[in-house]
Amino acid sequence: MKINYQSLEKKIKVNFKNKDLLIKSLTHKSFDNKNNNEKLEFLGDRVLGLIIAKKLLEIYPDEKEGVLDKKFASLVNKKTCLKIAKKIKIEKYVLTFNSQTKNSHIEDKVLSDSCEALIGSIYLDKGYDYTEKVILSLWSDQIKDSAITKIDPKTKLQELSLKKFKKLPVYKLISNTGPRHKPIFKVAVKLINTKFYSSHGTSKKEAEQNAALECLNNISKI
């Protein structure tokens, strides 16, 4: 089965000078143990991180580092890379051991890794400025969505506690009731100078988040 790499170039608006570099970025180690995309993935991950970090500083100049870090993590993680990979239908171009087999399935990790490798190959072929334009175009929807990224109550309470008291909040499991398939957890939390504030949830994690929110709502009134 012949792969039409030109159709991918049109999708991402990149005309490679070195076509072999493009093919290498889409070659998994299961297909070629020596000439594969592992090192390009390593490079692409760093290039993506630099470009996204730079963009976040530009559009959120007054945002705190903790918030920027969360936005950054959501934009460069494997889940988002997979979304971009599927957006450009990268599975049509990736070479794996069984990719030539009809109805073959390529693992999500292979697709997201190939997306990063593709970025690495664009960087080597076209340079930083061109790669930046490509990434910002492909990630445009995700970057817009980053505006609504929020810090969860537990993280917010932790940052507040560390800033004021140099210590973490103290959480305590009060109870675990209800049937096994539908448990109810009750968790309490306190800071150095507060009483315990408690709340419930269908998991310990959810109960901790709700307790943290309860604490934040009350200490803001103090």
C-alpha atoms as a PDB file:
ATOM      1  CA  MET A   1       0.000   0.000   0.000  1.00  0.00           C
ATOM      2  CA  LYS A   2       1.536   3.285  -1.126  1.00  0.00           C
ATOM      3  CA  ILE A   3       1.231   6.199   1.299  1.00  0.00           C
ATOM      4  CA  ASN A   4       0.388   9.626  -0.082  1.00  0.00           C
ATOM      5  CA  TYR A   5       2.557  11.829   2.105  1.00  0.00           C
ATOM      6  CA  GLN A   6       1.775  14.820  -0.088  1.00  0.00           C
ATOM      7  CA  SER A   7      -1.790  14.879   1.238  1.00  0.00           C
ATOM      8  CA  LEU A   8      -0.415  15.207   4.782  1.00  0.00           C
ATOM      9  CA  GLU A   9       1.875  18.044   3.689  1.00  0.00           C
ATOM     10  CA  LYS A  10      -1.173  19.860   2.325  1.00  0.00           C
ATOM     11  CA  LYS A  11      -3.080  19.382   5.585  1.00  0.00           C
ATOM     12  CA  ILE A  12      -0.325  20.822   7.741  1.00  0.00           C
ATOM     13  CA  LYS A  13       0.769  23.356   5.066  1.00  0.00           C
ATOM     14  CA  VAL A  14       4.370  22.171   5.012  1.00  0.00           C
ATOM     15  CA  ASN A  15       6.276  21.310   1.837  1.00  0.00           C
ATOM     16  CA  PHE A  16       9.271  19.319   3.051  1.00  0.00           C
ATOM     17  CA  LYS A  17      12.620  19.857   1.362  1.00  0.00           C
ATOM     18  CA  ASN A  18      13.787  16.564   2.885  1.00  0.00           C
ATOM     19  CA  LYS A  19      11.015  14.034   2.254  1.00  0.00           C
ATOM     20  CA  ASP A  20      13.013  11.299   3.994  1.00  0.00           C
ATOM     21  CA  LEU A  21      12.837  13.337   7.197  1.00  0.00           C
ATOM     22  CA  LEU A  22       9.047  13.407   6.943  1.00  0.00           C
ATOM     23  CA  ILE A  23       8.869   9.656   6.391  1.00  0.00           C
ATOM     24  CA  LYS A  24      11.242   9.008   9.282  1.00  0.00           C
ATOM     25  CA  SER A  25       9.044  11.054  11.625  1.00  0.00           C
ATOM     26  CA  LEU A  26       6.169   8.710  10.843  1.00  0.00           C
ATOM     27  CA  THR A  27       8.135   5.461  11.131  1.00  0.00           C
ATOM     28  CA  HIS A  28       7.622   3.514  14.364  1.00  0.00           C
ATOM     29  CA  LYS A  29      10.391   1.333  15.787  1.00  0.00           C
ATOM     30  CA  SER A  30       8.256  -1.773  15.222  1.00  0.00           C
ATOM     31  CA  PHE A  31       8.593  -1.108  11.472  1.00  0.00           C
ATOM     32  CA  ASP A  32      12.278  -0.136  11.469  1.00  0.00           C
ATOM     33  CA  ASN A  33      14.331  -0.699  14.600  1.00  0.00           C
ATOM     34  CA  LYS A  34      17.187   1.558  13.456  1.00  0.00           C
ATOM     35  CA  ASN A  35      15.753   4.314  11.278  1.00  0.00           C
ATOM     36  CA  ASN A  36      12.663   5.366  13.255  1.00  0.00           C
ATOM     37  CA  ASN A  37      11.060   8.417  14.846  1.00  0.00           C
ATOM     38  CA  GLU A  38      12.142   8.059  18.508  1.00  0.00           C
ATOM     39  CA  LYS A  39      14.759  10.830  18.436  1.00  0.00           C
ATOM     40  CA  LEU A  40      12.510  13.116  16.406  1.00  0.00           C
ATOM     41  CA  GLU A  41       9.798  12.582  19.018  1.00  0.00           C
ATOM     42  CA  PHE A  42      12.291  13.614  21.719  1.00  0.00           C
ATOM     43  CA  LEU A  43      13.087  16.788  19.784  1.00  0.00           C
ATOM     44  CA  GLY A  44       9.493  17.553  18.857  1.00  0.00           C
ATOM     45  CA  ASP A  45       8.365  17.317  22.479  1.00  0.00           C
ATOM     46  CA  ARG A  46      10.870  20.036  23.447  1.00  0.00           C
ATOM     47  CA  VAL A  47      10.068  22.265  20.477  1.00  0.00           C
ATOM     48  CA  LEU A  48       6.332  22.008  21.187  1.00  0.00           C
ATOM     49  CA  GLY A  49       6.918  22.861  24.848  1.00  0.00           C
ATOM     50  CA  LEU A  50       9.003  25.939  24.029  1.00  0.00           C
ATOM     51  CA  ILE A  51       6.524  27.313  21.499  1.00  0.00           C
ATOM     52  CA  ILE A  52       3.466  26.725  23.692  1.00  0.00           C
ATOM     53  CA  ALA A  53       5.195  28.203  26.778  1.00  0.00           C
ATOM     54  CA  LYS A  54       6.171  31.307  24.792  1.00  0.00           C
ATOM     55  CA  LYS A  55       2.611  31.715  23.476  1.00  0.00           C
ATOM     56  CA  LEU A  56       1.081  31.391  26.946  1.00  0.00           C
ATOM     57  CA  LEU A  57       3.359  34.143  28.264  1.00  0.00           C
ATOM     58  CA  GLU A  58       2.252  36.367  25.392  1.00  0.00           C
ATOM     59  CA  ILE A  59      -1.497  35.897  25.859  1.00  0.00           C
ATOM     60  CA  TYR A  60      -1.517  35.688  29.683  1.00  0.00           C
ATOM     61  CA  PRO A  61       1.148  38.205  30.779  1.00  0.00           C
ATOM     62  CA  ASP A  62      -0.468  38.823  34.178  1.00  0.00           C
ATOM     63  CA  GLU A  63      -1.269  35.196  35.036  1.00  0.00           C
ATOM     64  CA  LYS A  64       0.435  33.430  37.935  1.00  0.00           C
ATOM     65  CA  GLU A  65       3.025  30.731  37.303  1.00  0.00           C
ATOM     66  CA  GLY A  66       0.818  28.035  38.827  1.00  0.00           C
ATOM     67  CA  VAL A  67      -2.033  28.811  36.434  1.00  0.00           C
ATOM     68  CA  LEU A  68       0.319  28.978  33.450  1.00  0.00           C
ATOM     69  CA  ASP A  69       1.769  25.621  34.426  1.00  0.00           C
ATOM     70  CA  LYS A  70      -1.675  24.015  34.390  1.00  0.00           C
ATOM     71  CA  LYS A  71      -2.545  25.566  31.042  1.00  0.00           C
ATOM     72  CA  PHE A  72       0.795  24.430  29.644  1.00  0.00           C
ATOM     73  CA  ALA A  73       0.352  20.849  30.880  1.00  0.00           C
ATOM     74  CA  SER A  74      -3.094  20.591  29.291  1.00  0.00           C
ATOM     75  CA  LEU A  75      -1.771  21.833  25.932  1.00  0.00           C
ATOM     76  CA  VAL A  76       1.314  19.624  25.550  1.00  0.00           C
ATOM     77  CA  ASN A  77       0.211  16.345  27.151  1.00  0.00           C
ATOM     78  CA  LYS A  78      -0.232  13.103  25.215  1.00  0.00           C
ATOM     79  CA  LYS A  79      -4.021  13.466  25.223  1.00  0.00           C
ATOM     80  CA  THR A  80      -3.874  16.783  23.359  1.00  0.00           C
ATOM     81  CA  CYS A  81      -1.175  15.530  20.986  1.00  0.00           C
ATOM     82  CA  LEU A  82      -3.494  12.618  20.192  1.00  0.00           C
ATOM     83  CA  LYS A  83      -6.316  15.057  19.366  1.00  0.00           C
ATOM     84  CA  ILE A  84      -4.026  16.906  16.968  1.00  0.00           C
ATOM     85  CA  ALA A  85      -2.814  13.607  15.484  1.00  0.00           C
ATOM     86  CA  LYS A  86      -6.405  12.538  14.781  1.00  0.00           C
ATOM     87  CA  LYS A  87      -7.259  16.006  13.472  1.00  0.00           C
ATOM     88  CA  ILE A  88      -4.687  15.582  10.698  1.00  0.00           C
ATOM     89  CA  LYS A  89      -5.506  11.842  10.361  1.00  0.00           C
ATOM     90  CA  ILE A  90      -1.916  10.888  11.065  1.00  0.00           C
ATOM     91  CA  GLU A  91      -2.905   7.219  11.320  1.00  0.00           C
ATOM     92  CA  LYS A  92      -3.058   7.126   7.499  1.00  0.00           C
ATOM     93  CA  TYR A  93       0.656   7.870   7.277  1.00  0.00           C
ATOM     94  CA  VAL A  94       2.275   6.113  10.236  1.00  0.00           C
ATOM     95  CA  LEU A  95       4.393   3.061   9.480  1.00  0.00           C
ATOM     96  CA  THR A  96       4.207   0.278  12.070  1.00  0.00           C
ATOM     97  CA  PHE A  97       4.791  -3.459  11.918  1.00  0.00           C
ATOM     98  CA  ASN A  98       1.151  -4.089  11.013  1.00  0.00           C
ATOM     99  CA  SER A  99       0.281  -0.765   9.368  1.00  0.00           C
ATOM    100  CA  GLN A 100       0.154  -2.347   5.927  1.00  0.00           C
ATOM    101  CA  THR A 101      -2.452  -4.858   7.112  1.00  0.00           C
ATOM    102  CA  LYS A 102      -6.059  -4.133   6.212  1.00  0.00           C
ATOM    103  CA  ASN A 103      -8.130  -2.752   9.120  1.00  0.00           C
ATOM    104  CA  SER A 104      -5.032  -2.581  11.329  1.00  0.00           C
ATOM    105  CA  HIS A 105      -5.286  -0.636  14.574  1.00  0.00           C
ATOM    106  CA  ILE A 106      -2.545   1.754  15.650  1.00  0.00           C
ATOM    107  CA  GLU A 107      -2.287   2.475  19.381  1.00  0.00           C
ATOM    108  CA  ASP A 108      -3.086   5.982  20.616  1.00  0.00           C
ATOM    109  CA  LYS A 109       0.411   6.351  22.133  1.00  0.00           C
ATOM    110  CA  VAL A 110       2.011   5.644  18.755  1.00  0.00           C
ATOM    111  CA  LEU A 111      -0.162   8.337  17.158  1.00  0.00           C
ATOM    112  CA  SER A 112       0.576  10.993  19.799  1.00  0.00           C
ATOM    113  CA  ASP A 113       4.309  10.157  19.693  1.00  0.00           C
ATOM    114  CA  SER A 114       4.252  10.429  15.897  1.00  0.00           C
ATOM    115  CA  CYS A 115       2.649  13.858  16.200  1.00  0.00           C
ATOM    116  CA  GLU A 116       5.580  15.039  18.334  1.00  0.00           C
ATOM    117  CA  ALA A 117       8.054  13.425  15.930  1.00  0.00           C
ATOM    118  CA  LEU A 118       6.402  15.234  13.037  1.00  0.00           C
ATOM    119  CA  ILE A 119       6.954  18.522  14.864  1.00  0.00           C
ATOM    120  CA  GLY A 120      10.616  17.584  15.303  1.00  0.00           C
ATOM    121  CA  SER A 121      10.964  16.914  11.581  1.00  0.00           C
ATOM    122  CA  ILE A 122       9.304  20.230  10.662  1.00  0.00           C
ATOM    123  CA  TYR A 123      11.722  22.036  12.972  1.00  0.00           C
ATOM    124  CA  LEU A 124      14.774  20.386  11.366  1.00  0.00           C
ATOM    125  CA  ASP A 125      13.473  20.968   7.843  1.00  0.00           C
ATOM    126  CA  LYS A 126      11.993  24.458   8.180  1.00  0.00           C
ATOM    127  CA  GLY A 127      13.406  26.059  11.335  1.00  0.00           C
ATOM    128  CA  TYR A 128      11.830  27.602  14.435  1.00  0.00           C
ATOM    129  CA  ASP A 129       9.688  30.389  12.948  1.00  0.00           C
ATOM    130  CA  TYR A 130       7.965  28.122  10.427  1.00  0.00           C
ATOM    131  CA  THR A 131       7.383  25.424  13.057  1.00  0.00           C
ATOM    132  CA  GLU A 132       5.873  28.013  15.387  1.00  0.00           C
ATOM    133  CA  LYS A 133       3.317  29.000  12.738  1.00  0.00           C
ATOM    134  CA  VAL A 134       2.387  25.360  12.114  1.00  0.00           C
ATOM    135  CA  ILE A 135       1.962  24.542  15.813  1.00  0.00           C
ATOM    136  CA  LEU A 136      -0.056  27.665  16.601  1.00  0.00           C
ATOM    137  CA  SER A 137      -2.339  26.876  13.663  1.00  0.00           C
ATOM    138  CA  LEU A 138      -2.853  23.225  14.628  1.00  0.00           C
ATOM    139  CA  TRP A 139      -3.278  24.035  18.329  1.00  0.00           C
ATOM    140  CA  SER A 140      -5.454  27.144  17.797  1.00  0.00           C
ATOM    141  CA  ASP A 141      -8.661  25.636  19.235  1.00  0.00           C
ATOM    142  CA  GLN A 142      -6.866  24.178  22.253  1.00  0.00           C
ATOM    143  CA  ILE A 143      -5.112  27.501  22.951  1.00  0.00           C
ATOM    144  CA  LYS A 144      -8.486  29.293  22.861  1.00  0.00           C
ATOM    145  CA  ASP A 145      -9.908  26.718  25.273  1.00  0.00           C
ATOM    146  CA  SER A 146      -6.990  27.313  27.663  1.00  0.00           C
ATOM    147  CA  ALA A 147      -8.646  30.589  28.650  1.00  0.00           C
ATOM    148  CA  ILE A 148     -11.168  28.620  30.721  1.00  0.00           C
ATOM    149  CA  THR A 149      -8.587  26.440  32.467  1.00  0.00           C
ATOM    150  CA  LYS A 150      -9.169  26.779  36.205  1.00  0.00           C
ATOM    151  CA  ILE A 151      -7.246  25.739  39.280  1.00  0.00           C
ATOM    152  CA  ASP A 152      -9.178  23.170  41.273  1.00  0.00           C
ATOM    153  CA  PRO A 153     -10.070  23.949  44.939  1.00  0.00           C
ATOM    154  CA  LYS A 154      -7.559  21.468  46.406  1.00  0.00           C
ATOM    155  CA  THR A 155      -4.663  22.994  44.463  1.00  0.00           C
ATOM    156  CA  LYS A 156      -5.821  26.516  45.307  1.00  0.00           C
ATOM    157  CA  LEU A 157      -6.020  25.689  49.022  1.00  0.00           C
ATOM    158  CA  GLN A 158      -2.594  24.048  48.915  1.00  0.00           C
ATOM    159  CA  GLU A 159      -1.022  27.121  47.284  1.00  0.00           C
ATOM    160  CA  LEU A 160      -2.674  29.389  49.858  1.00  0.00           C
ATOM    161  CA  SER A 161      -1.494  27.252  52.778  1.00  0.00           C
ATOM    162  CA  LEU A 162       2.085  27.033  51.511  1.00  0.00           C
ATOM    163  CA  LYS A 163       2.209  30.773  50.874  1.00  0.00           C
ATOM    164  CA  LYS A 164       0.863  31.754  54.315  1.00  0.00           C
ATOM    165  CA  PHE A 165       2.104  28.983  56.581  1.00  0.00           C
ATOM    166  CA  LYS A 166       4.774  27.079  54.594  1.00  0.00           C
ATOM    167  CA  LYS A 167       2.781  23.904  55.369  1.00  0.00           C
ATOM    168  CA  LEU A 168       0.288  21.743  53.491  1.00  0.00           C
ATOM    169  CA  PRO A 169      -3.393  21.542  54.463  1.00  0.00           C
ATOM    170  CA  VAL A 170      -4.309  18.610  56.713  1.00  0.00           C
ATOM    171  CA  TYR A 171      -6.940  16.209  55.335  1.00  0.00           C
ATOM    172  CA  LYS A 172      -8.779  13.636  57.429  1.00  0.00           C
ATOM    173  CA  LEU A 173     -11.150  10.883  56.287  1.00  0.00           C
ATOM    174  CA  ILE A 174     -14.178  11.077  58.555  1.00  0.00           C
ATOM    175  CA  SER A 175     -16.297   8.249  57.168  1.00  0.00           C
ATOM    176  CA  ASN A 176     -16.929   5.902  54.266  1.00  0.00           C
ATOM    177  CA  THR A 177     -20.564   4.839  54.163  1.00  0.00           C
ATOM    178  CA  GLY A 178     -23.105   3.479  51.703  1.00  0.00           C
ATOM    179  CA  PRO A 179     -23.027   0.344  49.542  1.00  0.00           C
ATOM    180  CA  ARG A 180     -19.797  -0.690  47.813  1.00  0.00           C
ATOM    181  CA  HIS A 181     -21.112   0.237  44.359  1.00  0.00           C
ATOM    182  CA  LYS A 182     -22.235   3.674  45.551  1.00  0.00           C
ATOM    183  CA  PRO A 183     -20.056   4.826  48.492  1.00  0.00           C
ATOM    184  CA  ILE A 184     -20.242   8.184  50.215  1.00  0.00           C
ATOM    185  CA  PHE A 185     -17.001   9.615  51.568  1.00  0.00           C
ATOM    186  CA  LYS A 186     -16.799  12.375  54.157  1.00  0.00           C
ATOM    187  CA  VAL A 187     -13.502  14.263  54.365  1.00  0.00           C
ATOM    188  CA  ALA A 188     -12.414  17.208  56.510  1.00  0.00           C
ATOM    189  CA  VAL A 189      -9.574  19.660  55.951  1.00  0.00           C
ATOM    190  CA  LYS A 190      -7.929  22.409  57.997  1.00  0.00           C
ATOM    191  CA  LEU A 191      -5.135  24.933  57.799  1.00  0.00           C
ATOM    192  CA  ILE A 192      -2.828  25.971  60.635  1.00  0.00           C
ATOM    193  CA  ASN A 193      -5.175  28.644  61.984  1.00  0.00           C
ATOM    194  CA  THR A 194      -8.588  27.178  61.101  1.00  0.00           C
ATOM    195  CA  LYS A 195     -10.984  24.542  62.319  1.00  0.00           C
ATOM    196  CA  PHE A 196     -11.805  21.473  60.210  1.00  0.00           C
ATOM    197  CA  TYR A 197     -14.195  22.024  57.310  1.00  0.00           C
ATOM    198  CA  SER A 198     -15.859  18.917  55.915  1.00  0.00           C
ATOM    199  CA  SER A 199     -17.802  17.797  52.863  1.00  0.00           C
ATOM    200  CA  HIS A 200     -18.938  14.668  51.014  1.00  0.00           C
ATOM    201  CA  GLY A 201     -18.243  12.987  47.685  1.00  0.00           C
ATOM    202  CA  THR A 202     -18.712   9.733  45.828  1.00  0.00           C
ATOM    203  CA  SER A 203     -14.928   9.207  45.960  1.00  0.00           C
ATOM    204  CA  LYS A 204     -12.255  10.246  48.424  1.00  0.00           C
ATOM    205  CA  LYS A 205     -10.755  12.537  45.793  1.00  0.00           C
ATOM    206  CA  GLU A 206     -14.085  14.256  45.147  1.00  0.00           C
ATOM    207  CA  ALA A 207     -14.730  14.633  48.874  1.00  0.00           C
ATOM    208  CA  GLU A 208     -11.299  16.250  49.313  1.00  0.00           C
ATOM    209  CA  GLN A 209     -12.039  18.727  46.519  1.00  0.00           C
ATOM    210  CA  ASN A 210     -15.414  19.583  48.046  1.00  0.00           C
ATOM    211  CA  ALA A 211     -13.902  19.961  51.517  1.00  0.00           C
ATOM    212  CA  ALA A 212     -11.196  22.227  50.109  1.00  0.00           C
ATOM    213  CA  LEU A 213     -13.867  24.381  48.458  1.00  0.00           C
ATOM    214  CA  GLU A 214     -15.792  24.550  51.744  1.00  0.00           C
ATOM    215  CA  CYS A 215     -12.646  25.649  53.528  1.00  0.00           C
ATOM    216  CA  LEU A 216     -11.848  28.288  50.900  1.00  0.00           C
ATOM    217  CA  ASN A 217     -15.392  29.686  51.034  1.00  0.00           C
ATOM    218  CA  ASN A 218     -15.267  29.980  54.822  1.00  0.00           C
ATOM    219  CA  ILE A 219     -11.773  31.377  55.301  1.00  0.00           C
ATOM    220  CA  SER A 220     -12.555  34.103  52.755  1.00  0.00           C
ATOM    221  CA  LYS A 221     -15.177  35.346  55.215  1.00  0.00           C
ATOM    222  CA  ILE A 222     -12.752  35.434  58.119  1.00  0.00           C
END
